[in-house]
Amino acid sequence: MKPADEYILSQPEPYRSIIFNLQIVIENQIQDLELLYKWKIPFYYYRGKPFCFINVSHKRKYVDLGIVKGFQIKNHQEHLIIENRSIMKSLRYSSLEEIDNKMLIEIIQEISELY
């Protein structure tokens, strides 16, 4: 089993379900993504470049979907979290119900146009 898959499958609920949902949405929008294990977290690469990552914070109790080109996104900025970053922004989810799939799809599509 690949390290990224091990990371995901080892997560307790609700984190695992949140990650699975994010994976389904992301992978259905962009077919040529490659899921790697970088910096001890699952990291999607698109066209050979870092695209987004999934990180679970057990301490803060959320799943962080880090978007590498987050500062270049024009739509849904009010939902993106900066937190001392200069390039990346993220979406954070504490429950499956918090995920707005429509908004997530729009963000993923916008990001993919930057590559």
PDB file of N, CA and C in Angstrom:
ATOM      1  N   MET A   1       0.841  -1.175   0.000  1.00  0.00           N
ATOM      2  CA  MET A   1       0.000   0.000   0.000  1.00  0.00           C
ATOM      3  C   MET A   1       0.890   1.244   0.000  1.00  0.00           C
ATOM      4  N   LYS A   2       0.456   2.261  -0.737  1.00  0.00           N
ATOM      5  CA  LYS A   2       1.207   3.502  -0.830  1.00  0.00           C
ATOM      6  C   LYS A   2       1.098   4.288   0.475  1.00  0.00           C
ATOM      7  N   PRO A   3       2.147   5.036   0.821  1.00  0.00           N
ATOM      8  CA  PRO A   3       2.119   5.815   2.071  1.00  0.00           C
ATOM      9  C   PRO A   3       0.953   6.798   2.169  1.00  0.00           C
ATOM     10  N   ALA A   4       0.576   7.432   1.066  1.00  0.00           N
ATOM     11  CA  ALA A   4      -0.556   8.366   1.105  1.00  0.00           C
ATOM     12  C   ALA A   4      -1.839   7.625   1.471  1.00  0.00           C
ATOM     13  N   ASP A   5      -2.024   6.441   0.902  1.00  0.00           N
ATOM     14  CA  ASP A   5      -3.206   5.637   1.220  1.00  0.00           C
ATOM     15  C   ASP A   5      -3.184   5.174   2.675  1.00  0.00           C
ATOM     16  N   GLU A   6      -2.019   4.803   3.151  1.00  0.00           N
ATOM     17  CA  GLU A   6      -1.882   4.400   4.554  1.00  0.00           C
ATOM     18  C   GLU A   6      -2.249   5.545   5.493  1.00  0.00           C
ATOM     19  N   TYR A   7      -1.781   6.732   5.166  1.00  0.00           N
ATOM     20  CA  TYR A   7      -2.096   7.921   5.965  1.00  0.00           C
ATOM     21  C   TYR A   7      -3.615   8.101   6.048  1.00  0.00           C
ATOM     22  N   ILE A   8      -4.265   8.034   4.920  1.00  0.00           N
ATOM     23  CA  ILE A   8      -5.717   8.250   4.865  1.00  0.00           C
ATOM     24  C   ILE A   8      -6.467   7.157   5.615  1.00  0.00           C
ATOM     25  N   LEU A   9      -6.132   5.917   5.361  1.00  0.00           N
ATOM     26  CA  LEU A   9      -6.851   4.802   5.990  1.00  0.00           C
ATOM     27  C   LEU A   9      -6.602   4.710   7.494  1.00  0.00           C
ATOM     28  N   SER A  10      -5.503   5.277   7.961  1.00  0.00           N
ATOM     29  CA  SER A  10      -5.198   5.218   9.388  1.00  0.00           C
ATOM     30  C   SER A  10      -5.931   6.299  10.200  1.00  0.00           C
ATOM     31  N   GLN A  11      -6.597   7.214   9.516  1.00  0.00           N
ATOM     32  CA  GLN A  11      -7.274   8.299  10.224  1.00  0.00           C
ATOM     33  C   GLN A  11      -8.582   7.814  10.855  1.00  0.00           C
ATOM     34  N   PRO A  12      -8.867   8.251  12.062  1.00  0.00           N
ATOM     35  CA  PRO A  12     -10.152   7.903  12.689  1.00  0.00           C
ATOM     36  C   PRO A  12     -11.281   8.727  12.078  1.00  0.00           C
ATOM     37  N   GLU A  13     -12.487   8.312  12.349  1.00  0.00           N
ATOM     38  CA  GLU A  13     -13.644   9.110  11.935  1.00  0.00           C
ATOM     39  C   GLU A  13     -13.759  10.321  12.833  1.00  0.00           C
ATOM     40  N   PRO A  14     -14.259  11.420  12.365  1.00  0.00           N
ATOM     41  CA  PRO A  14     -14.852  11.674  11.048  1.00  0.00           C
ATOM     42  C   PRO A  14     -13.839  12.058   9.984  1.00  0.00           C
ATOM     43  N   TYR A  15     -12.546  12.127  10.358  1.00  0.00           N
ATOM     44  CA  TYR A  15     -11.525  12.595   9.418  1.00  0.00           C
ATOM     45  C   TYR A  15     -11.445  11.741   8.148  1.00  0.00           C
ATOM     46  N   ARG A  16     -11.518  10.443   8.303  1.00  0.00           N
ATOM     47  CA  ARG A  16     -11.412   9.557   7.145  1.00  0.00           C
ATOM     48  C   ARG A  16     -12.539   9.822   6.145  1.00  0.00           C
ATOM     49  N   SER A  17     -13.758   9.973   6.634  1.00  0.00           N
ATOM     50  CA  SER A  17     -14.896  10.247   5.741  1.00  0.00           C
ATOM     51  C   SER A  17     -14.754  11.604   5.059  1.00  0.00           C
ATOM     52  N   ILE A  18     -14.264  12.579   5.780  1.00  0.00           N
ATOM     53  CA  ILE A  18     -14.037  13.905   5.193  1.00  0.00           C
ATOM     54  C   ILE A  18     -13.011  13.797   4.070  1.00  0.00           C
ATOM     55  N   ILE A  19     -11.920  13.085   4.328  1.00  0.00           N
ATOM     56  CA  ILE A  19     -10.868  12.918   3.316  1.00  0.00           C
ATOM     57  C   ILE A  19     -11.415  12.182   2.097  1.00  0.00           C
ATOM     58  N   PHE A  20     -12.165  11.106   2.315  1.00  0.00           N
ATOM     59  CA  PHE A  20     -12.737  10.358   1.189  1.00  0.00           C
ATOM     60  C   PHE A  20     -13.618  11.262   0.332  1.00  0.00           C
ATOM     61  N   ASN A  21     -14.426  12.084   0.967  1.00  0.00           N
ATOM     62  CA  ASN A  21     -15.295  12.993   0.219  1.00  0.00           C
ATOM     63  C   ASN A  21     -14.451  13.973  -0.599  1.00  0.00           C
ATOM     64  N   LEU A  22     -13.433  14.547   0.026  1.00  0.00           N
ATOM     65  CA  LEU A  22     -12.564  15.487  -0.686  1.00  0.00           C
ATOM     66  C   LEU A  22     -11.878  14.805  -1.872  1.00  0.00           C
ATOM     67  N   GLN A  23     -11.406  13.594  -1.653  1.00  0.00           N
ATOM     68  CA  GLN A  23     -10.750  12.851  -2.729  1.00  0.00           C
ATOM     69  C   GLN A  23     -11.687  12.624  -3.907  1.00  0.00           C
ATOM     70  N   ILE A  24     -12.896  12.213  -3.631  1.00  0.00           N
ATOM     71  CA  ILE A  24     -13.863  11.945  -4.697  1.00  0.00           C
ATOM     72  C   ILE A  24     -14.129  13.201  -5.510  1.00  0.00           C
ATOM     73  N   VAL A  25     -14.374  14.302  -4.827  1.00  0.00           N
ATOM     74  CA  VAL A  25     -14.650  15.559  -5.528  1.00  0.00           C
ATOM     75  C   VAL A  25     -13.439  15.996  -6.348  1.00  0.00           C
ATOM     76  N   ILE A  26     -12.275  16.004  -5.742  1.00  0.00           N
ATOM     77  CA  ILE A  26     -11.062  16.459  -6.425  1.00  0.00           C
ATOM     78  C   ILE A  26     -10.737  15.567  -7.617  1.00  0.00           C
ATOM     79  N   GLU A  27     -10.734  14.265  -7.409  1.00  0.00           N
ATOM     80  CA  GLU A  27     -10.336  13.338  -8.473  1.00  0.00           C
ATOM     81  C   GLU A  27     -11.357  13.267  -9.599  1.00  0.00           C
ATOM     82  N   ASN A  28     -12.616  13.576  -9.319  1.00  0.00           N
ATOM     83  CA  ASN A  28     -13.625  13.610 -10.382  1.00  0.00           C
ATOM     84  C   ASN A  28     -13.528  14.874 -11.225  1.00  0.00           C
ATOM     85  N   GLN A  29     -12.918  15.905 -10.699  1.00  0.00           N
ATOM     86  CA  GLN A  29     -12.771  17.151 -11.444  1.00  0.00           C
ATOM     87  C   GLN A  29     -11.537  17.149 -12.330  1.00  0.00           C
ATOM     88  N   ILE A  30     -10.470  16.528 -11.865  1.00  0.00           N
ATOM     89  CA  ILE A  30      -9.207  16.526 -12.603  1.00  0.00           C
ATOM     90  C   ILE A  30      -8.712  15.092 -12.708  1.00  0.00           C
ATOM     91  N   GLN A  31      -8.640  14.606 -13.905  1.00  0.00           N
ATOM     92  CA  GLN A  31      -8.308  13.208 -14.136  1.00  0.00           C
ATOM     93  C   GLN A  31      -6.815  12.909 -14.019  1.00  0.00           C
ATOM     94  N   ASP A  32      -5.963  13.872 -14.287  1.00  0.00           N
ATOM     95  CA  ASP A  32      -4.526  13.621 -14.369  1.00  0.00           C
ATOM     96  C   ASP A  32      -3.759  13.942 -13.088  1.00  0.00           C
ATOM     97  N   LEU A  33      -4.434  13.907 -11.963  1.00  0.00           N
ATOM     98  CA  LEU A  33      -3.764  14.164 -10.690  1.00  0.00           C
ATOM     99  C   LEU A  33      -2.966  12.941 -10.253  1.00  0.00           C
ATOM    100  N   GLU A  34      -1.892  13.205  -9.539  1.00  0.00           N
ATOM    101  CA  GLU A  34      -1.101  12.124  -8.958  1.00  0.00           C
ATOM    102  C   GLU A  34      -1.051  12.349  -7.449  1.00  0.00           C
ATOM    103  N   LEU A  35      -1.480  11.339  -6.691  1.00  0.00           N
ATOM    104  CA  LEU A  35      -1.462  11.429  -5.237  1.00  0.00           C
ATOM    105  C   LEU A  35      -0.142  10.860  -4.725  1.00  0.00           C
ATOM    106  N   LEU A  36       0.660  11.736  -4.118  1.00  0.00           N
ATOM    107  CA  LEU A  36       1.954  11.346  -3.573  1.00  0.00           C
ATOM    108  C   LEU A  36       1.945  11.562  -2.064  1.00  0.00           C
ATOM    109  N   TYR A  37       3.003  11.129  -1.426  1.00  0.00           N
ATOM    110  CA  TYR A  37       3.158  11.327   0.009  1.00  0.00           C
ATOM    111  C   TYR A  37       4.383  12.203   0.198  1.00  0.00           C
ATOM    112  N   LYS A  38       4.141  13.487   0.450  1.00  0.00           N
ATOM    113  CA  LYS A  38       5.219  14.466   0.600  1.00  0.00           C
ATOM    114  C   LYS A  38       5.052  15.168   1.939  1.00  0.00           C
ATOM    115  N   TRP A  39       6.147  15.431   2.613  1.00  0.00           N
ATOM    116  CA  TRP A  39       6.128  16.130   3.893  1.00  0.00           C
ATOM    117  C   TRP A  39       5.191  15.447   4.895  1.00  0.00           C
ATOM    118  N   LYS A  40       5.136  14.124   4.794  1.00  0.00           N
ATOM    119  CA  LYS A  40       4.354  13.263   5.698  1.00  0.00           C
ATOM    120  C   LYS A  40       2.845  13.455   5.593  1.00  0.00           C
ATOM    121  N   ILE A  41       2.382  13.937   4.430  1.00  0.00           N
ATOM    122  CA  ILE A  41       0.945  14.087   4.181  1.00  0.00           C
ATOM    123  C   ILE A  41       0.633  13.752   2.722  1.00  0.00           C
ATOM    124  N   PRO A  42      -0.627  13.390   2.418  1.00  0.00           N
ATOM    125  CA  PRO A  42      -1.024  13.173   1.020  1.00  0.00           C
ATOM    126  C   PRO A  42      -1.011  14.505   0.260  1.00  0.00           C
ATOM    127  N   PHE A  43      -0.358  14.494  -0.882  1.00  0.00           N
ATOM    128  CA  PHE A  43      -0.196  15.714  -1.661  1.00  0.00           C
ATOM    129  C   PHE A  43      -0.524  15.407  -3.126  1.00  0.00           C
ATOM    130  N   TYR A  44      -1.489  16.125  -3.676  1.00  0.00           N
ATOM    131  CA  TYR A  44      -1.832  15.964  -5.090  1.00  0.00           C
ATOM    132  C   TYR A  44      -0.907  16.816  -5.937  1.00  0.00           C
ATOM    133  N   TYR A  45      -0.426  16.204  -7.025  1.00  0.00           N
ATOM    134  CA  TYR A  45       0.374  16.906  -8.014  1.00  0.00           C
ATOM    135  C   TYR A  45      -0.397  16.902  -9.328  1.00  0.00           C
ATOM    136  N   TYR A  46      -0.318  18.017 -10.029  1.00  0.00           N
ATOM    137  CA  TYR A  46      -0.999  18.160 -11.314  1.00  0.00           C
ATOM    138  C   TYR A  46       0.004  18.686 -12.323  1.00  0.00           C
ATOM    139  N   ARG A  47       0.161  17.954 -13.397  1.00  0.00           N
ATOM    140  CA  ARG A  47       1.139  18.310 -14.432  1.00  0.00           C
ATOM    141  C   ARG A  47       2.544  18.460 -13.849  1.00  0.00           C
ATOM    142  N   GLY A  48       2.849  17.587 -12.874  1.00  0.00           N
ATOM    143  CA  GLY A  48       4.175  17.548 -12.266  1.00  0.00           C
ATOM    144  C   GLY A  48       4.429  18.608 -11.212  1.00  0.00           C
ATOM    145  N   LYS A  49       3.402  19.406 -10.873  1.00  0.00           N
ATOM    146  CA  LYS A  49       3.577  20.479  -9.897  1.00  0.00           C
ATOM    147  C   LYS A  49       2.630  20.298  -8.716  1.00  0.00           C
ATOM    148  N   PRO A  50       3.038  20.748  -7.528  1.00  0.00           N
ATOM    149  CA  PRO A  50       2.162  20.640  -6.357  1.00  0.00           C
ATOM    150  C   PRO A  50       0.833  21.356  -6.591  1.00  0.00           C
ATOM    151  N   PHE A  51      -0.257  20.690  -6.233  1.00  0.00           N
ATOM    152  CA  PHE A  51      -1.603  21.212  -6.478  1.00  0.00           C
ATOM    153  C   PHE A  51      -2.339  21.512  -5.166  1.00  0.00           C
ATOM    154  N   CYS A  52      -2.509  20.469  -4.351  1.00  0.00           N
ATOM    155  CA  CYS A  52      -3.156  20.643  -3.052  1.00  0.00           C
ATOM    156  C   CYS A  52      -2.777  19.469  -2.144  1.00  0.00           C
ATOM    157  N   PHE A  53      -2.969  19.667  -0.845  1.00  0.00           N
ATOM    158  CA  PHE A  53      -2.649  18.597   0.099  1.00  0.00           C
ATOM    159  C   PHE A  53      -3.792  18.414   1.084  1.00  0.00           C
ATOM    160  N   ILE A  54      -3.777  17.277   1.731  1.00  0.00           N
ATOM    161  CA  ILE A  54      -4.770  16.959   2.757  1.00  0.00           C
ATOM    162  C   ILE A  54      -4.012  16.655   4.039  1.00  0.00           C
ATOM    163  N   ASN A  55      -4.338  17.400   5.088  1.00  0.00           N
ATOM    164  CA  ASN A  55      -3.659  17.212   6.363  1.00  0.00           C
ATOM    165  C   ASN A  55      -4.685  17.190   7.488  1.00  0.00           C
ATOM    166  N   VAL A  56      -4.563  16.227   8.370  1.00  0.00           N
ATOM    167  CA  VAL A  56      -5.459  16.133   9.518  1.00  0.00           C
ATOM    168  C   VAL A  56      -4.774  16.734  10.731  1.00  0.00           C
ATOM    169  N   SER A  57      -5.468  17.634  11.400  1.00  0.00           N
ATOM    170  CA  SER A  57      -4.975  18.185  12.656  1.00  0.00           C
ATOM    171  C   SER A  57      -5.816  17.586  13.780  1.00  0.00           C
ATOM    172  N   HIS A  58      -5.272  16.589  14.440  1.00  0.00           N
ATOM    173  CA  HIS A  58      -5.990  15.947  15.545  1.00  0.00           C
ATOM    174  C   HIS A  58      -6.121  16.912  16.722  1.00  0.00           C
ATOM    175  N   LYS A  59      -5.124  17.729  16.913  1.00  0.00           N
ATOM    176  CA  LYS A  59      -5.135  18.681  18.017  1.00  0.00           C
ATOM    177  C   LYS A  59      -6.241  19.724  17.839  1.00  0.00           C
ATOM    178  N   ARG A  60      -6.356  20.246  16.623  1.00  0.00           N
ATOM    179  CA  ARG A  60      -7.359  21.286  16.354  1.00  0.00           C
ATOM    180  C   ARG A  60      -8.677  20.720  15.820  1.00  0.00           C
ATOM    181  N   LYS A  61      -8.683  19.430  15.527  1.00  0.00           N
ATOM    182  CA  LYS A  61      -9.880  18.684  15.137  1.00  0.00           C
ATOM    183  C   LYS A  61     -10.493  19.144  13.809  1.00  0.00           C
ATOM    184  N   TYR A  62      -9.642  19.154  12.762  1.00  0.00           N
ATOM    185  CA  TYR A  62     -10.153  19.456  11.427  1.00  0.00           C
ATOM    186  C   TYR A  62      -9.261  18.806  10.374  1.00  0.00           C
ATOM    187  N   VAL A  63      -9.799  18.756   9.165  1.00  0.00           N
ATOM    188  CA  VAL A  63      -9.046  18.337   7.993  1.00  0.00           C
ATOM    189  C   VAL A  63      -8.760  19.608   7.198  1.00  0.00           C
ATOM    190  N   ASP A  64      -7.512  19.799   6.862  1.00  0.00           N
ATOM    191  CA  ASP A  64      -7.069  20.974   6.137  1.00  0.00           C
ATOM    192  C   ASP A  64      -6.827  20.584   4.683  1.00  0.00           C
ATOM    193  N   LEU A  65      -7.545  21.218   3.772  1.00  0.00           N
ATOM    194  CA  LEU A  65      -7.290  21.037   2.349  1.00  0.00           C
ATOM    195  C   LEU A  65      -6.473  22.246   1.908  1.00  0.00           C
ATOM    196  N   GLY A  66      -5.160  22.069   1.832  1.00  0.00           N
ATOM    197  CA  GLY A  66      -4.257  23.159   1.480  1.00  0.00           C
ATOM    198  C   GLY A  66      -4.170  23.319  -0.019  1.00  0.00           C
ATOM    199  N   ILE A  67      -4.356  24.546  -0.475  1.00  0.00           N
ATOM    200  CA  ILE A  67      -4.363  24.844  -1.904  1.00  0.00           C
ATOM    201  C   ILE A  67      -3.113  25.660  -2.231  1.00  0.00           C
ATOM    202  N   VAL A  68      -2.246  25.061  -3.021  1.00  0.00           N
ATOM    203  CA  VAL A  68      -0.942  25.657  -3.281  1.00  0.00           C
ATOM    204  C   VAL A  68      -1.062  27.051  -3.895  1.00  0.00           C
ATOM    205  N   LYS A  69      -1.889  27.229  -4.881  1.00  0.00           N
ATOM    206  CA  LYS A  69      -2.029  28.541  -5.532  1.00  0.00           C
ATOM    207  C   LYS A  69      -3.241  29.293  -4.986  1.00  0.00           C
ATOM    208  N   GLY A  70      -3.494  29.120  -3.722  1.00  0.00           N
ATOM    209  CA  GLY A  70      -4.665  29.702  -3.088  1.00  0.00           C
ATOM    210  C   GLY A  70      -4.760  31.206  -3.183  1.00  0.00           C
ATOM    211  N   PHE A  71      -3.623  31.896  -3.212  1.00  0.00           N
ATOM    212  CA  PHE A  71      -3.647  33.354  -3.288  1.00  0.00           C
ATOM    213  C   PHE A  71      -4.030  33.854  -4.683  1.00  0.00           C
ATOM    214  N   GLN A  72      -4.022  32.959  -5.664  1.00  0.00           N
ATOM    215  CA  GLN A  72      -4.383  33.358  -7.023  1.00  0.00           C
ATOM    216  C   GLN A  72      -5.861  33.127  -7.327  1.00  0.00           C
ATOM    217  N   ILE A  73      -6.566  32.499  -6.416  1.00  0.00           N
ATOM    218  CA  ILE A  73      -7.986  32.230  -6.617  1.00  0.00           C
ATOM    219  C   ILE A  73      -8.768  33.527  -6.447  1.00  0.00           C
ATOM    220  N   LYS A  74      -9.726  33.750  -7.324  1.00  0.00           N
ATOM    221  CA  LYS A  74     -10.540  34.966  -7.253  1.00  0.00           C
ATOM    222  C   LYS A  74     -11.878  34.721  -6.562  1.00  0.00           C
ATOM    223  N   ASN A  75     -12.413  33.532  -6.705  1.00  0.00           N
ATOM    224  CA  ASN A  75     -13.735  33.221  -6.149  1.00  0.00           C
ATOM    225  C   ASN A  75     -13.622  32.557  -4.781  1.00  0.00           C
ATOM    226  N   HIS A  76     -14.598  32.809  -3.944  1.00  0.00           N
ATOM    227  CA  HIS A  76     -14.726  32.171  -2.629  1.00  0.00           C
ATOM    228  C   HIS A  76     -13.580  32.498  -1.667  1.00  0.00           C
ATOM    229  N   GLN A  77     -12.952  33.640  -1.828  1.00  0.00           N
ATOM    230  CA  GLN A  77     -11.857  34.026  -0.942  1.00  0.00           C
ATOM    231  C   GLN A  77     -12.291  34.090   0.523  1.00  0.00           C
ATOM    232  N   GLU A  78     -13.546  34.419   0.752  1.00  0.00           N
ATOM    233  CA  GLU A  78     -14.036  34.537   2.127  1.00  0.00           C
ATOM    234  C   GLU A  78     -14.039  33.206   2.873  1.00  0.00           C
ATOM    235  N   HIS A  79     -13.922  32.099   2.147  1.00  0.00           N
ATOM    236  CA  HIS A  79     -13.911  30.770   2.762  1.00  0.00           C
ATOM    237  C   HIS A  79     -12.499  30.207   2.935  1.00  0.00           C
ATOM    238  N   LEU A  80     -11.532  30.863   2.325  1.00  0.00           N
ATOM    239  CA  LEU A  80     -10.157  30.374   2.361  1.00  0.00           C
ATOM    240  C   LEU A  80      -9.399  30.956   3.543  1.00  0.00           C
ATOM    241  N   ILE A  81      -8.613  30.113   4.176  1.00  0.00           N
ATOM    242  CA  ILE A  81      -7.865  30.485   5.378  1.00  0.00           C
ATOM    243  C   ILE A  81      -6.402  30.713   5.023  1.00  0.00           C
ATOM    244  N   ILE A  82      -5.859  31.833   5.500  1.00  0.00           N
ATOM    245  CA  ILE A  82      -4.469  32.200   5.204  1.00  0.00           C
ATOM    246  C   ILE A  82      -3.529  31.645   6.268  1.00  0.00           C
ATOM    247  N   GLU A  83      -3.714  32.053   7.488  1.00  0.00           N
ATOM    248  CA  GLU A  83      -2.946  31.631   8.662  1.00  0.00           C
ATOM    249  C   GLU A  83      -1.437  31.607   8.442  1.00  0.00           C
ATOM    250  N   ASN A  84      -0.840  32.776   8.353  1.00  0.00           N
ATOM    251  CA  ASN A  84       0.617  32.953   8.261  1.00  0.00           C
ATOM    252  C   ASN A  84       1.247  32.273   7.045  1.00  0.00           C
ATOM    253  N   ARG A  85       0.547  32.237   5.952  1.00  0.00           N
ATOM    254  CA  ARG A  85       1.082  31.651   4.722  1.00  0.00           C
ATOM    255  C   ARG A  85       1.226  32.741   3.678  1.00  0.00           C
ATOM    256  N   SER A  86       2.183  32.573   2.778  1.00  0.00           N
ATOM    257  CA  SER A  86       2.383  33.576   1.742  1.00  0.00           C
ATOM    258  C   SER A  86       1.952  33.092   0.358  1.00  0.00           C
ATOM    259  N   ILE A  87       1.775  31.804   0.195  1.00  0.00           N
ATOM    260  CA  ILE A  87       1.405  31.249  -1.107  1.00  0.00           C
ATOM    261  C   ILE A  87       0.120  30.444  -1.013  1.00  0.00           C
ATOM    262  N   MET A  88       0.031  29.605  -0.017  1.00  0.00           N
ATOM    263  CA  MET A  88      -1.103  28.685   0.120  1.00  0.00           C
ATOM    264  C   MET A  88      -2.238  29.291   0.935  1.00  0.00           C
ATOM    265  N   LYS A  89      -3.429  28.784   0.635  1.00  0.00           N
ATOM    266  CA  LYS A  89      -4.603  29.023   1.464  1.00  0.00           C
ATOM    267  C   LYS A  89      -5.258  27.667   1.635  1.00  0.00           C
ATOM    268  N   SER A  90      -6.211  27.583   2.543  1.00  0.00           N
ATOM    269  CA  SER A  90      -6.825  26.272   2.750  1.00  0.00           C
ATOM    270  C   SER A  90      -8.300  26.380   3.088  1.00  0.00           C
ATOM    271  N   LEU A  91      -8.950  25.258   2.935  1.00  0.00           N
ATOM    272  CA  LEU A  91     -10.324  25.051   3.389  1.00  0.00           C
ATOM    273  C   LEU A  91     -10.234  24.076   4.548  1.00  0.00           C
ATOM    274  N   ARG A  92     -11.002  24.314   5.600  1.00  0.00           N
ATOM    275  CA  ARG A  92     -10.943  23.437   6.771  1.00  0.00           C
ATOM    276  C   ARG A  92     -12.314  22.886   7.084  1.00  0.00           C
ATOM    277  N   TYR A  93     -12.296  21.605   7.436  1.00  0.00           N
ATOM    278  CA  TYR A  93     -13.549  20.904   7.710  1.00  0.00           C
ATOM    279  C   TYR A  93     -13.441  20.085   8.986  1.00  0.00           C
ATOM    280  N   SER A  94     -14.411  20.268   9.869  1.00  0.00           N
ATOM    281  CA  SER A  94     -14.482  19.485  11.106  1.00  0.00           C
ATOM    282  C   SER A  94     -15.520  18.379  11.020  1.00  0.00           C
ATOM    283  N   SER A  95     -16.390  18.484  10.020  1.00  0.00           N
ATOM    284  CA  SER A  95     -17.406  17.449   9.824  1.00  0.00           C
ATOM    285  C   SER A  95     -17.709  17.324   8.333  1.00  0.00           C
ATOM    286  N   LEU A  96     -18.258  16.202   7.964  1.00  0.00           N
ATOM    287  CA  LEU A  96     -18.628  15.936   6.579  1.00  0.00           C
ATOM    288  C   LEU A  96     -19.697  16.918   6.104  1.00  0.00           C
ATOM    289  N   GLU A  97     -20.577  17.313   6.999  1.00  0.00           N
ATOM    290  CA  GLU A  97     -21.680  18.208   6.665  1.00  0.00           C
ATOM    291  C   GLU A  97     -21.206  19.615   6.304  1.00  0.00           C
ATOM    292  N   GLU A  98     -20.022  19.994   6.734  1.00  0.00           N
ATOM    293  CA  GLU A  98     -19.486  21.322   6.442  1.00  0.00           C
ATOM    294  C   GLU A  98     -19.016  21.470   4.999  1.00  0.00           C
ATOM    295  N   ILE A  99     -18.808  20.370   4.308  1.00  0.00           N
ATOM    296  CA  ILE A  99     -18.261  20.434   2.953  1.00  0.00           C
ATOM    297  C   ILE A  99     -19.352  20.877   1.980  1.00  0.00           C
ATOM    298  N   ASP A 100     -19.082  21.974   1.302  1.00  0.00           N
ATOM    299  CA  ASP A 100     -19.954  22.472   0.238  1.00  0.00           C
ATOM    300  C   ASP A 100     -19.334  21.995  -1.076  1.00  0.00           C
ATOM    301  N   ASN A 101     -19.834  20.871  -1.589  1.00  0.00           N
ATOM    302  CA  ASN A 101     -19.234  20.261  -2.772  1.00  0.00           C
ATOM    303  C   ASN A 101     -19.267  21.191  -3.980  1.00  0.00           C
ATOM    304  N   LYS A 102     -20.340  21.964  -4.134  1.00  0.00           N
ATOM    305  CA  LYS A 102     -20.454  22.887  -5.268  1.00  0.00           C
ATOM    306  C   LYS A 102     -19.328  23.922  -5.213  1.00  0.00           C
ATOM    307  N   MET A 103     -19.120  24.514  -4.048  1.00  0.00           N
ATOM    308  CA  MET A 103     -18.059  25.499  -3.886  1.00  0.00           C
ATOM    309  C   MET A 103     -16.682  24.854  -4.092  1.00  0.00           C
ATOM    310  N   LEU A 104     -16.496  23.663  -3.537  1.00  0.00           N
ATOM    311  CA  LEU A 104     -15.229  22.953  -3.684  1.00  0.00           C
ATOM    312  C   LEU A 104     -14.928  22.681  -5.161  1.00  0.00           C
ATOM    313  N   ILE A 105     -15.928  22.265  -5.914  1.00  0.00           N
ATOM    314  CA  ILE A 105     -15.759  22.012  -7.354  1.00  0.00           C
ATOM    315  C   ILE A 105     -15.358  23.292  -8.073  1.00  0.00           C
ATOM    316  N   GLU A 106     -16.005  24.398  -7.742  1.00  0.00           N
ATOM    317  CA  GLU A 106     -15.670  25.674  -8.378  1.00  0.00           C
ATOM    318  C   GLU A 106     -14.231  26.080  -8.070  1.00  0.00           C
ATOM    319  N   ILE A 107     -13.798  25.874  -6.846  1.00  0.00           N
ATOM    320  CA  ILE A 107     -12.420  26.208  -6.470  1.00  0.00           C
ATOM    321  C   ILE A 107     -11.429  25.303  -7.189  1.00  0.00           C
ATOM    322  N   ILE A 108     -11.701  24.008  -7.219  1.00  0.00           N
ATOM    323  CA  ILE A 108     -10.804  23.051  -7.897  1.00  0.00           C
ATOM    324  C   ILE A 108     -10.693  23.388  -9.383  1.00  0.00           C
ATOM    325  N   GLN A 109     -11.823  23.708 -10.006  1.00  0.00           N
ATOM    326  CA  GLN A 109     -11.785  24.054 -11.429  1.00  0.00           C
ATOM    327  C   GLN A 109     -10.987  25.329 -11.669  1.00  0.00           C
ATOM    328  N   GLU A 110     -11.166  26.321 -10.795  1.00  0.00           N
ATOM    329  CA  GLU A 110     -10.423  27.568 -10.943  1.00  0.00           C
ATOM    330  C   GLU A 110      -8.919  27.339 -10.772  1.00  0.00           C
ATOM    331  N   ILE A 111      -8.555  26.540  -9.779  1.00  0.00           N
ATOM    332  CA  ILE A 111      -7.135  26.250  -9.548  1.00  0.00           C
ATOM    333  C   ILE A 111      -6.527  25.537 -10.757  1.00  0.00           C
ATOM    334  N   SER A 112      -7.249  24.561 -11.303  1.00  0.00           N
ATOM    335  CA  SER A 112      -6.696  23.773 -12.404  1.00  0.00           C
ATOM    336  C   SER A 112      -6.388  24.647 -13.628  1.00  0.00           C
ATOM    337  N   GLU A 113      -7.125  25.740 -13.767  1.00  0.00           N
ATOM    338  CA  GLU A 113      -6.878  26.647 -14.903  1.00  0.00           C
ATOM    339  C   GLU A 113      -5.577  27.433 -14.739  1.00  0.00           C
ATOM    340  N   LEU A 114      -5.006  27.423 -13.554  1.00  0.00           N
ATOM    341  CA  LEU A 114      -3.758  28.134 -13.289  1.00  0.00           C
ATOM    342  C   LEU A 114      -2.525  27.312 -13.676  1.00  0.00           C
ATOM    343  N   TYR A 115      -2.730  26.036 -14.043  1.00  0.00           N
ATOM    344  CA  TYR A 115      -1.612  25.146 -14.362  1.00  0.00           C
ATOM    345  C   TYR A 115      -1.444  24.965 -15.848  1.00  0.00           C
TER     346      TYR A 115
END
